[in-house]
Protein backbone atom coordinates (compact mmCIF):
# COMPACT_ATOMS: atom_id res chain seq x y z
CA MET A 1 4.84 32.26 -22.81
CA SER A 2 1.50 32.65 -22.45
CA GLU A 3 -0.65 35.09 -20.20
CA HIS A 4 -3.92 34.06 -18.37
CA VAL A 5 -5.72 37.51 -16.82
CA PRO A 6 -6.72 36.73 -12.49
CA ALA A 7 -8.90 37.91 -10.50
CA GLY A 8 -7.42 40.72 -9.65
CA GLY A 9 -6.89 42.16 -13.78
CA GLN A 10 -2.84 41.60 -13.88
CA ALA A 11 -1.34 39.23 -16.76
CA ALA A 12 1.25 36.91 -15.52
CA PRO A 13 2.23 34.45 -16.69
CA ALA A 14 0.69 30.77 -17.37
CA PRO A 15 1.61 27.48 -14.73
CA PRO A 16 4.05 25.79 -15.32
CA VAL A 17 4.84 22.36 -17.46
CA ASP A 18 6.68 19.56 -15.63
CA PRO A 19 7.98 16.92 -18.32
CA GLY A 20 7.70 14.82 -15.34
CA ASP A 21 3.60 14.90 -16.01
CA ALA A 22 4.04 13.29 -19.38
CA GLY A 23 2.87 9.96 -20.47
CA TYR A 24 -0.35 9.76 -18.04
CA SER A 25 -3.96 9.36 -18.90
CA LYS A 26 -6.82 11.12 -17.80
CA THR A 27 -8.49 8.66 -16.48
CA LEU A 28 -9.94 8.97 -12.31
CA LYS A 29 -13.18 10.03 -12.20
CA PRO A 30 -14.11 12.03 -9.62
CA ARG A 31 -16.11 9.45 -7.57
CA HIS A 32 -12.75 7.54 -7.30
CA ILE A 33 -10.70 11.16 -6.01
CA SER A 34 -13.29 11.78 -3.71
CA MET A 35 -13.35 8.00 -2.12
CA ILE A 36 -8.83 8.05 -2.44
CA ALA A 37 -9.80 11.14 -0.07
CA ILE A 38 -11.84 9.32 2.35
CA GLY A 39 -9.91 6.26 2.02
CA GLY A 40 -6.85 8.34 2.33
CA ALA A 41 -7.81 9.41 5.49
CA ILE A 42 -9.24 6.13 6.88
CA GLY A 43 -6.13 3.83 7.24
CA THR A 44 -3.82 1.03 9.27
CA GLY A 45 -3.22 3.82 11.78
CA LEU A 46 -7.05 3.53 12.30
CA PHE A 47 -7.43 0.32 12.05
CA LEU A 48 -4.60 -1.26 13.98
CA GLY A 49 -3.31 1.87 16.11
CA ALA A 50 -5.91 2.99 17.80
CA GLY A 51 -5.63 0.06 20.16
CA GLY A 52 -1.84 0.15 21.45
CA ASN A 53 -3.06 4.34 21.15
CA LEU A 54 -5.96 3.53 23.58
CA ALA A 55 -3.96 0.87 25.55
CA LYS A 56 -1.84 4.26 26.12
CA ALA A 57 -3.77 6.76 26.49
CA GLY A 58 -7.64 6.36 27.07
CA PRO A 59 -9.96 7.51 25.77
CA ALA A 60 -8.41 10.93 26.36
CA LEU A 61 -6.84 9.57 22.11
CA ALA A 62 -10.25 11.21 20.45
CA LEU A 63 -8.78 14.48 22.06
CA ALA A 64 -4.58 13.70 20.03
CA TYR A 65 -6.95 13.07 16.99
CA LEU A 66 -8.27 15.80 17.16
CA VAL A 67 -6.00 18.12 17.29
CA CYS A 68 -3.92 16.12 14.69
CA GLY A 69 -6.82 15.87 12.45
CA VAL A 70 -6.96 19.14 12.46
CA PHE A 71 -3.37 20.06 11.24
CA ALA A 72 -3.77 17.45 9.09
CA PHE A 73 -6.32 19.29 7.86
CA PHE A 74 -3.96 22.67 7.21
CA VAL A 75 -1.43 21.24 5.65
CA VAL A 76 -4.41 19.62 2.39
CA ARG A 77 -5.63 22.99 2.57
CA ALA A 78 -2.37 24.87 1.66
CA LEU A 79 -1.40 21.48 -0.79
CA GLY A 80 -4.15 21.84 -2.79
CA GLU A 81 -3.99 25.57 -3.00
CA LEU A 82 -1.25 24.62 -5.35
CA VAL A 83 -2.89 22.17 -7.20
CA VAL A 84 -5.62 24.14 -8.15
CA TYR A 85 -2.29 26.68 -9.50
CA ARG A 86 -0.89 23.69 -11.17
CA PRO A 87 -2.18 19.98 -10.95
CA SER A 88 0.70 17.81 -11.51
CA SER A 89 0.74 14.50 -10.61
CA GLY A 90 4.73 14.57 -8.80
CA SER A 91 2.48 16.45 -6.44
CA PHE A 92 4.42 18.30 -3.55
CA VAL A 93 8.11 17.10 -5.60
CA SER A 94 6.54 19.18 -8.33
CA TYR A 95 6.08 22.06 -6.27
CA SER A 96 9.43 21.73 -4.35
CA ARG A 97 11.49 22.39 -7.38
CA GLU A 98 9.53 25.18 -8.76
CA LEU A 99 9.40 26.95 -5.05
CA LEU A 100 12.73 25.75 -3.66
CA GLY A 101 14.91 24.30 -6.38
CA GLU A 102 15.69 21.13 -7.29
CA LYS A 103 17.54 20.75 -3.84
CA GLY A 104 13.93 20.88 -2.02
CA ALA A 105 12.25 18.49 -4.24
CA TYR A 106 15.59 15.51 -3.88
CA VAL A 107 14.73 16.38 -0.16
CA ALA A 108 10.99 16.26 -1.10
CA GLY A 109 10.64 13.05 -2.86
CA TRP A 110 13.27 10.92 -0.59
CA MET A 111 11.71 11.69 2.14
CA TYR A 112 8.62 10.35 0.95
CA PHE A 113 9.34 7.65 -0.73
CA LEU A 114 10.84 6.41 3.05
CA THR A 115 6.84 7.37 4.17
CA TRP A 116 5.40 5.04 2.22
CA ALA A 117 7.86 2.42 1.51
CA THR A 118 8.22 1.75 6.16
CA GLY A 119 4.37 2.46 5.40
CA GLY A 120 4.42 -0.54 3.14
CA MET A 121 6.07 -2.55 5.72
CA ALA A 122 3.67 -1.36 8.31
CA ASP A 123 1.20 -2.24 5.89
CA ILE A 124 2.06 -6.02 5.62
CA THR A 125 2.71 -6.87 8.96
CA ALA A 126 -0.60 -5.52 9.58
CA VAL A 127 -2.47 -7.78 7.14
CA ALA A 128 -0.42 -10.94 8.43
CA LEU A 129 -1.45 -9.92 12.24
CA TYR A 130 -5.21 -9.75 10.87
CA ALA A 131 -4.34 -12.59 8.83
CA HIS A 132 -3.40 -14.14 12.41
CA PHE A 133 -7.24 -14.04 13.40
CA TRP A 134 -8.22 -17.17 11.17
CA SER A 135 -6.97 -20.79 12.86
CA VAL A 136 -6.39 -21.11 9.49
CA PHE A 137 -3.27 -18.65 8.91
CA THR A 138 -1.74 -19.06 12.53
CA PRO A 139 0.52 -21.92 11.98
CA VAL A 140 2.05 -19.61 8.99
CA PRO A 141 4.75 -17.58 9.93
CA GLN A 142 4.38 -13.86 9.56
CA TRP A 143 6.59 -13.12 7.15
CA VAL A 144 4.81 -15.50 4.75
CA LEU A 145 1.72 -13.91 4.86
CA ALA A 146 3.76 -10.29 4.79
CA ALA A 147 5.00 -11.06 1.92
CA VAL A 148 1.71 -12.91 0.10
CA ALA A 149 -0.20 -9.32 1.03
CA LEU A 150 2.97 -7.50 -0.73
CA ALA A 151 3.14 -10.15 -3.75
CA VAL A 152 -0.49 -8.95 -5.08
CA VAL A 153 -1.16 -5.86 -3.81
CA LEU A 154 2.05 -4.96 -5.91
CA VAL A 155 0.48 -6.61 -9.02
CA VAL A 156 -2.51 -5.31 -9.44
CA ASN A 157 -1.16 -1.77 -9.47
CA LEU A 158 0.74 -2.73 -11.68
CA VAL A 159 -2.08 -3.75 -13.99
CA SER A 160 -3.73 0.11 -14.92
CA VAL A 161 -5.07 3.65 -12.66
CA ARG A 162 -8.15 3.07 -14.08
CA LEU A 163 -7.69 -0.29 -12.54
CA PHE A 164 -5.87 0.88 -8.72
CA GLY A 165 -9.15 4.14 -9.09
CA GLU A 166 -11.95 1.26 -9.23
CA MET A 167 -10.28 -0.74 -6.05
CA GLU A 168 -8.91 2.10 -4.01
CA PHE A 169 -13.05 3.19 -4.87
CA TRP A 170 -14.67 -0.37 -3.11
CA PHE A 171 -11.35 -0.40 -0.65
CA ALA A 172 -12.29 3.37 0.71
CA VAL A 173 -16.54 2.23 0.34
CA ILE A 174 -16.08 -0.88 2.33
CA LYS A 175 -13.66 0.90 4.95
CA VAL A 176 -16.76 3.81 4.83
CA ALA A 177 -19.68 1.25 5.61
CA ALA A 178 -17.58 -0.46 8.21
CA LEU A 179 -17.47 2.19 10.42
CA VAL A 180 -20.88 3.80 10.26
CA GLY A 181 -21.91 0.41 10.41
CA PHE A 182 -19.98 -0.24 14.23
CA MET A 183 -21.01 3.36 15.11
CA GLY A 184 -24.96 2.61 14.24
CA ILE A 185 -24.33 -0.53 16.17
CA GLY A 186 -22.98 1.59 18.67
CA ILE A 187 -25.50 3.78 19.09
CA ALA A 188 -28.56 1.27 19.09
CA LEU A 189 -26.07 -0.30 22.13
CA LEU A 190 -26.26 2.68 23.77
CA VAL A 191 -29.87 3.62 23.07
CA THR A 192 -30.94 0.35 24.31
CA ARG A 193 -28.44 -0.16 26.86
CA THR A 194 -27.92 -3.54 25.78
CA PRO A 195 -24.68 -5.30 27.86
CA VAL A 196 -21.36 -5.85 25.95
CA GLY A 197 -20.42 -8.51 27.77
CA ASP A 198 -20.60 -8.03 31.22
CA GLU A 199 -20.70 -4.81 30.94
CA VAL A 200 -23.34 -1.41 30.29
CA PRO A 201 -22.16 0.29 27.75
CA GLY A 202 -22.60 3.71 28.57
CA LEU A 203 -20.90 7.24 29.71
CA HIS A 204 -19.73 5.28 32.96
CA MET A 205 -17.46 3.08 30.67
CA ILE A 206 -15.85 6.30 31.18
CA THR A 207 -16.13 7.85 34.69
CA ASP A 208 -15.66 4.61 36.13
CA ASN A 209 -11.88 3.85 34.21
CA GLY A 210 -10.11 6.81 35.64
CA GLY A 211 -12.30 9.70 33.59
CA PHE A 212 -11.35 11.03 29.98
CA PHE A 213 -7.39 11.16 30.96
CA PRO A 214 -7.20 7.68 33.17
CA VAL A 215 -3.23 7.43 32.96
CA GLY A 216 -2.48 11.67 32.86
CA LEU A 217 -2.22 14.56 29.44
CA LEU A 218 1.74 13.00 28.77
CA PRO A 219 0.76 9.58 27.33
CA VAL A 220 -1.65 11.56 24.57
CA VAL A 221 0.78 13.78 24.84
CA LEU A 222 3.24 10.79 23.30
CA VAL A 223 0.99 8.88 21.00
CA VAL A 224 1.09 12.34 18.91
CA GLN A 225 3.56 10.01 17.12
CA GLY A 226 1.60 7.43 15.64
CA VAL A 227 -1.56 9.07 15.33
CA ILE A 228 0.29 10.93 13.03
CA PHE A 229 1.26 7.95 10.87
CA ALA A 230 -2.44 7.57 11.20
CA TYR A 231 -3.21 10.89 8.88
CA SER A 232 -0.26 10.09 6.73
CA ALA A 233 -1.79 9.41 3.68
CA VAL A 234 -4.53 12.49 3.00
CA GLU A 235 -1.99 14.14 0.67
CA MET A 236 -2.68 11.45 -1.29
CA VAL A 237 -5.48 13.68 -3.50
CA GLY A 238 -3.16 16.34 -4.71
CA VAL A 239 -0.56 12.80 -6.81
CA THR A 240 -4.09 12.17 -8.22
CA ALA A 241 -4.17 15.35 -9.67
CA GLY A 242 -3.07 14.36 -12.60
CA GLU A 243 -4.70 11.98 -13.05
CA THR A 244 -8.08 13.25 -13.63
CA ALA A 245 -9.46 15.21 -16.13
CA GLU A 246 -11.17 18.58 -13.48
CA PRO A 247 -8.44 18.84 -10.36
CA ALA A 248 -9.90 22.52 -10.64
CA LYS A 249 -13.11 20.92 -9.09
CA VAL A 250 -12.89 18.01 -7.77
CA VAL A 251 -9.20 18.54 -5.26
CA PRO A 252 -11.25 21.44 -3.98
CA ARG A 253 -14.55 19.49 -3.05
CA ALA A 254 -12.49 16.15 -1.50
CA VAL A 255 -10.50 18.17 0.74
CA ASN A 256 -12.75 19.46 1.92
CA SER A 257 -14.15 17.22 3.28
CA ILE A 258 -11.30 16.16 5.25
CA MET A 259 -12.42 17.74 8.19
CA TRP A 260 -16.11 16.20 8.65
CA ARG A 261 -14.30 12.47 8.18
CA ILE A 262 -11.49 13.44 10.89
CA GLY A 263 -14.90 13.97 13.08
CA VAL A 264 -17.30 11.06 12.57
CA PHE A 265 -14.18 8.14 11.32
CA TYR A 266 -11.13 9.35 14.39
CA VAL A 267 -12.80 11.64 16.68
CA GLY A 268 -16.66 9.98 17.13
CA SER A 269 -14.83 6.16 16.61
CA VAL A 270 -12.64 6.45 19.68
CA LEU A 271 -15.04 8.34 21.78
CA MET A 272 -17.63 4.86 21.28
CA LEU A 273 -14.86 2.79 21.28
CA ALA A 274 -14.59 3.78 24.51
CA LEU A 275 -18.03 4.06 25.35
CA LEU A 276 -18.72 0.57 25.20
CA LEU A 277 -15.48 -1.30 27.09
CA PRO A 278 -13.18 0.36 29.04
CA TRP A 279 -10.16 1.44 27.52
CA ASP A 280 -7.82 -1.47 29.36
CA ALA A 281 -9.38 -3.59 27.49
CA TYR A 282 -7.66 -2.72 23.56
CA SER A 283 -3.85 -3.25 23.97
CA ALA A 284 -1.24 -3.26 20.05
CA ASP A 285 -2.13 -6.59 19.15
CA GLU A 286 -6.04 -6.39 17.76
CA SER A 287 -7.60 -3.89 15.77
CA PRO A 288 -9.94 -2.24 18.79
CA PHE A 289 -12.84 -2.62 16.72
CA VAL A 290 -12.66 -6.13 16.51
CA THR A 291 -12.12 -6.65 19.50
CA ALA A 292 -15.39 -4.32 20.03
CA MET A 293 -17.61 -6.57 17.64
CA SER A 294 -16.38 -9.60 19.38
CA ALA A 295 -17.51 -8.79 23.17
CA ILE A 296 -20.59 -7.27 21.19
CA GLY A 297 -21.32 -11.54 20.71
CA ILE A 298 -22.65 -10.38 17.07
CA PRO A 299 -22.23 -13.48 15.30
CA ALA A 300 -19.46 -13.81 13.20
CA ALA A 301 -19.52 -10.32 13.19
CA ASP A 302 -15.29 -9.74 14.39
CA GLY A 303 -14.69 -11.64 11.89
CA ILE A 304 -16.10 -9.67 9.27
CA MET A 305 -14.77 -6.36 10.67
CA ASN A 306 -10.59 -8.06 10.57
CA LEU A 307 -11.47 -8.49 7.25
CA VAL A 308 -12.70 -5.12 7.06
CA VAL A 309 -9.70 -4.38 8.25
CA LEU A 310 -7.48 -6.71 6.23
CA THR A 311 -8.69 -4.26 3.25
CA ALA A 312 -7.48 -1.73 4.62
CA ALA A 313 -4.54 -2.31 5.33
CA LEU A 314 -4.50 -4.06 1.57
CA SER A 315 -6.03 -0.24 0.13
CA SER A 316 -2.95 1.42 2.62
CA LEU A 317 -0.68 -0.75 0.63
CA ASN A 318 -2.12 -0.45 -2.30
CA SER A 319 -2.24 3.63 -1.80
CA GLY A 320 2.12 4.04 -0.71
CA LEU A 321 2.77 1.68 -4.11
CA TYR A 322 0.97 4.37 -6.19
CA THR A 323 1.84 7.61 -5.56
CA THR A 324 6.03 6.52 -5.00
CA GLY A 325 5.96 5.93 -8.21
CA ARG A 326 4.63 9.15 -9.22
CA ILE A 327 6.85 10.87 -7.38
CA LEU A 328 9.81 8.86 -8.19
CA ARG A 329 8.62 9.44 -11.84
CA SER A 330 8.54 13.15 -11.59
CA MET A 331 11.95 13.23 -9.28
CA SER A 332 13.28 10.74 -11.97
CA MET A 333 12.71 13.04 -14.95
CA ALA A 334 14.87 15.90 -12.98
CA GLY A 335 17.57 13.82 -12.52
CA SER A 336 17.51 12.88 -8.80
CA ALA A 337 16.32 9.91 -9.36
CA PRO A 338 17.16 6.24 -10.59
CA ARG A 339 16.47 5.89 -14.53
CA PHE A 340 14.96 3.41 -14.53
CA THR A 341 12.03 5.08 -12.35
CA ALA A 342 10.94 7.31 -15.03
CA ARG A 343 9.32 4.03 -17.40
CA MET A 344 5.85 3.12 -17.81
CA SER A 345 4.59 0.89 -19.13
CA ARG A 346 2.02 0.67 -22.06
CA THR A 347 -0.69 1.01 -19.64
CA HIS A 348 0.65 4.95 -17.72
CA VAL A 349 2.00 3.02 -14.88
CA PRO A 350 4.74 4.20 -14.29
CA TYR A 351 6.14 1.03 -13.26
CA GLY A 352 10.10 1.49 -12.28
CA GLY A 353 9.26 3.46 -9.18
CA ILE A 354 6.38 1.15 -7.78
CA PHE A 355 9.41 -1.76 -7.93
CA LEU A 356 11.45 0.17 -6.27
CA THR A 357 9.43 1.24 -3.58
CA SER A 358 8.42 -3.28 -3.28
CA GLY A 359 11.86 -3.51 -2.91
CA VAL A 360 13.00 -1.49 -0.26
CA ALA A 361 9.20 -2.89 1.14
CA LEU A 362 10.45 -6.33 1.58
CA PHE A 363 12.61 -5.24 4.29
CA GLY A 364 9.14 -5.51 5.72
CA VAL A 365 9.31 -8.97 5.65
CA ALA A 366 12.80 -9.70 7.24
CA LEU A 367 12.00 -7.44 10.04
CA ASN A 368 8.22 -9.48 10.72
CA ALA A 369 10.31 -12.85 10.37
CA TRP A 370 13.17 -11.07 12.81
CA LEU A 371 11.10 -9.16 15.02
CA PRO A 372 7.53 -10.08 14.97
CA ASP A 373 6.47 -8.76 18.49
CA ALA A 374 7.95 -5.10 17.33
CA ALA A 375 7.52 -4.93 13.40
CA PHE A 376 4.79 -2.81 13.40
CA SER A 377 5.82 -0.29 16.14
CA ILE A 378 9.54 -0.36 14.35
CA VAL A 379 8.25 0.89 11.04
CA VAL A 380 4.96 3.53 11.84
CA ASN A 381 7.47 5.74 14.04
CA VAL A 382 10.43 5.52 11.28
CA ALA A 383 7.35 6.56 8.59
CA SER A 384 5.59 9.08 11.01
CA LEU A 385 9.95 10.85 10.24
CA GLY A 386 8.64 10.74 6.59
CA ILE A 387 5.60 12.27 7.43
CA ILE A 388 6.45 14.66 9.23
CA SER A 389 9.23 15.72 7.22
CA THR A 390 7.13 16.02 4.05
CA TRP A 391 3.78 17.66 5.79
CA SER A 392 7.05 20.53 7.17
CA LEU A 393 7.84 20.73 3.64
CA ILE A 394 4.51 21.08 2.08
CA MET A 395 3.82 24.25 4.67
CA VAL A 396 7.16 25.96 3.05
CA CYS A 397 6.25 25.42 -0.15
CA HIS A 398 2.47 27.42 0.26
CA LEU A 399 4.20 29.72 2.26
CA VAL A 400 6.89 30.65 -0.40
CA PHE A 401 4.31 30.38 -2.75
CA VAL A 402 2.08 33.36 -0.77
CA ARG A 403 4.93 35.57 0.10
CA ARG A 404 6.34 34.98 -4.29
CA CYS A 405 2.17 36.27 -5.84
CA ARG A 406 2.43 38.66 -2.83
CA SER A 407 5.23 40.28 -4.42
CA LEU A 408 4.99 39.62 -7.22
CA GLY A 409 1.20 41.26 -7.55
CA ARG A 410 0.27 37.89 -8.41
CA GLU A 411 -3.49 36.82 -7.41
CA ARG A 412 -3.64 33.40 -5.38
CA PRO A 413 -6.04 30.31 -6.87
CA ALA A 414 -9.83 30.70 -4.73
CA PHE A 415 -9.16 27.90 -3.01
CA ARG A 416 -6.93 28.98 -0.44
CA LEU A 417 -5.83 27.79 2.28
CA TRP A 418 -6.55 31.18 5.48
CA ALA A 419 -4.57 32.71 7.18
CA ALA A 420 -1.25 32.71 5.62
CA PRO A 421 1.67 32.72 6.56
CA TYR A 422 0.74 32.37 9.99
CA LEU A 423 -0.77 29.12 10.12
CA ASN A 424 2.30 27.79 7.97
CA VAL A 425 4.20 28.99 10.57
CA VAL A 426 2.37 26.59 13.32
CA THR A 427 1.36 23.98 11.54
CA VAL A 428 5.40 23.67 11.53
CA ALA A 429 6.30 24.38 14.87
CA PHE A 430 3.37 21.88 15.49
CA LEU A 431 5.79 19.14 13.43
CA LEU A 432 8.56 19.91 14.79
CA SER A 433 7.46 19.97 18.61
CA VAL A 434 6.31 16.15 17.62
CA LEU A 435 9.72 14.66 16.85
CA GLY A 436 10.44 16.96 20.23
CA LEU A 437 8.66 14.62 22.17
CA MET A 438 9.74 11.62 20.58
CA ALA A 439 13.52 12.09 20.98
CA PHE A 440 12.50 13.59 24.98
CA GLY A 441 9.56 12.35 26.23
CA GLY A 442 8.68 8.71 24.42
CA ASP A 443 9.93 5.45 25.03
CA ARG A 444 13.68 3.56 24.55
CA ILE A 445 12.05 3.01 20.47
CA ASN A 446 10.68 6.39 19.69
CA ARG A 447 14.09 7.65 20.93
CA TRP A 448 16.24 5.53 18.87
CA THR A 449 14.35 6.45 15.63
CA VAL A 450 14.22 9.95 16.26
CA LEU A 451 18.53 9.00 16.34
CA LEU A 452 17.80 7.38 12.86
CA ILE A 453 17.41 11.26 11.37
CA LEU A 454 21.29 11.56 11.25
CA PRO A 455 22.06 8.54 9.32
CA ILE A 456 18.95 9.51 7.79
CA GLY A 457 20.43 12.73 6.87
CA ALA A 458 23.95 11.64 5.74
CA ALA A 459 22.26 9.44 3.17
CA LEU A 460 20.60 12.20 1.49
CA VAL A 461 23.78 14.76 1.55
CA ALA A 462 25.85 11.49 0.11
CA GLY A 463 23.16 10.72 -2.59
CA TRP A 464 22.93 14.70 -3.38
CA TYR A 465 26.39 14.66 -4.43
CA GLY A 466 25.89 11.45 -6.01
CA VAL A 467 22.85 12.52 -8.81
CA ARG A 468 24.14 16.26 -8.85
CA GLY A 469 25.73 16.14 -11.79
CA ARG A 470 23.36 14.49 -13.75
CA VAL A 471 20.63 16.49 -12.07
CA ARG A 472 19.08 19.06 -15.22
CA ASP A 473 16.72 22.08 -14.40
CA ILE A 474 13.67 21.67 -15.97
CA ALA A 475 10.56 23.87 -17.20
CA ALA A 476 9.17 24.20 -13.95
CA VAL A 477 11.99 25.32 -11.77
CA GLN A 478 12.14 28.63 -14.35
CA LYS A 479 8.71 29.84 -15.23
CA GLY A 480 6.10 30.64 -13.11
CA PRO A 481 6.19 32.11 -9.32
CA ALA A 482 9.38 31.17 -7.93
CA ASP A 483 11.04 33.53 -11.63
CA GLY A 484 10.38 36.44 -8.97
């Protein structure tokens, strides 16, 4: 067994190797990783979800984004430390296998699959809603548009990881440029006091319309579940680490930049929206950015912004197919996912897992045909269950990693989560409190969503008994800090 010498001077076993990482090409460049990290922090949850959340909570939605963003940063910082220790395309599933055992990897992987399968439903729903903005698509049923969106992104994702990286790079550039442009226009309107519709924008848009908490504190707390969904792709940077040549250099830079992105793009955008129009001018039926640009009256600006937010939804769907393909392959190599999800194309794309995620996302097409008005809210809630469990498992994995490193006297990576294990415990407690809010303080859809934990748990147990006979130990279980 090879050894390396950490900063503390004590020899330690080299990090284990996960067989699920074999076969990938290292074609993602630093610019891809950086922009994928940005794209992961800017998606459907902001471009579409912020409209309904503003209508529910008012300008204080910015506070909810800030609080959830801080905890999201803690999660991705903890994941970043694990990535520096051992880059893996299996990401937190591979780390769960090493630190919590195969049962932990099984739960982490399938709950993350649930996150992106239902998140994919949310994305194709968003695409359909955005497309209806243009009159040419108005007669087309929502479910047809959702099906077309899924088909297009599926084909793109299957070609190669390099093409995926390029598309995500340019998707992210478009999203960032659009938000920067929106912020620039908003600042210019505020400085020149140019009317937006019938009102002059400014701080009085908040003070004259009920203040920062126009409907009280409780609605702000209740929208936290939707805000958590908005950040649901930040952990994707850990998956991309397995397909870049220098993850130890690239990933820390990408992780550290997340905080300022949260401040500018989420908190800043929501505050700008609230300064331009009254909070109750926004709705869940339309992107708040399109609403604002329509009111500003710049020719074709609303159409351009609608195209941008449609691009963001396609980007999110593209990312979901990418990550679940890699996660399912890692699980399949250990026997806890269907064998066909381990298959890889000649262009190094794990197409089996991508097809499985797309197949489940087809239920989103059916949901759009059955309940077009409630489809987005339903799938966002279910996806939130998945992301809460995923983030919690990441923090638990990191907690075990820290404690075992201490017990064995091994040096942690220089890039690390501060104040561990205390921040781990606080973050998990926060995430569990969100579940409590959904169960006892939310609306009927929220309560029914939490009750889904019972059938999901039953399905996980039944599935485990179905696969445990072929689950096999692999190198990641047998070596590394978990040996302590």
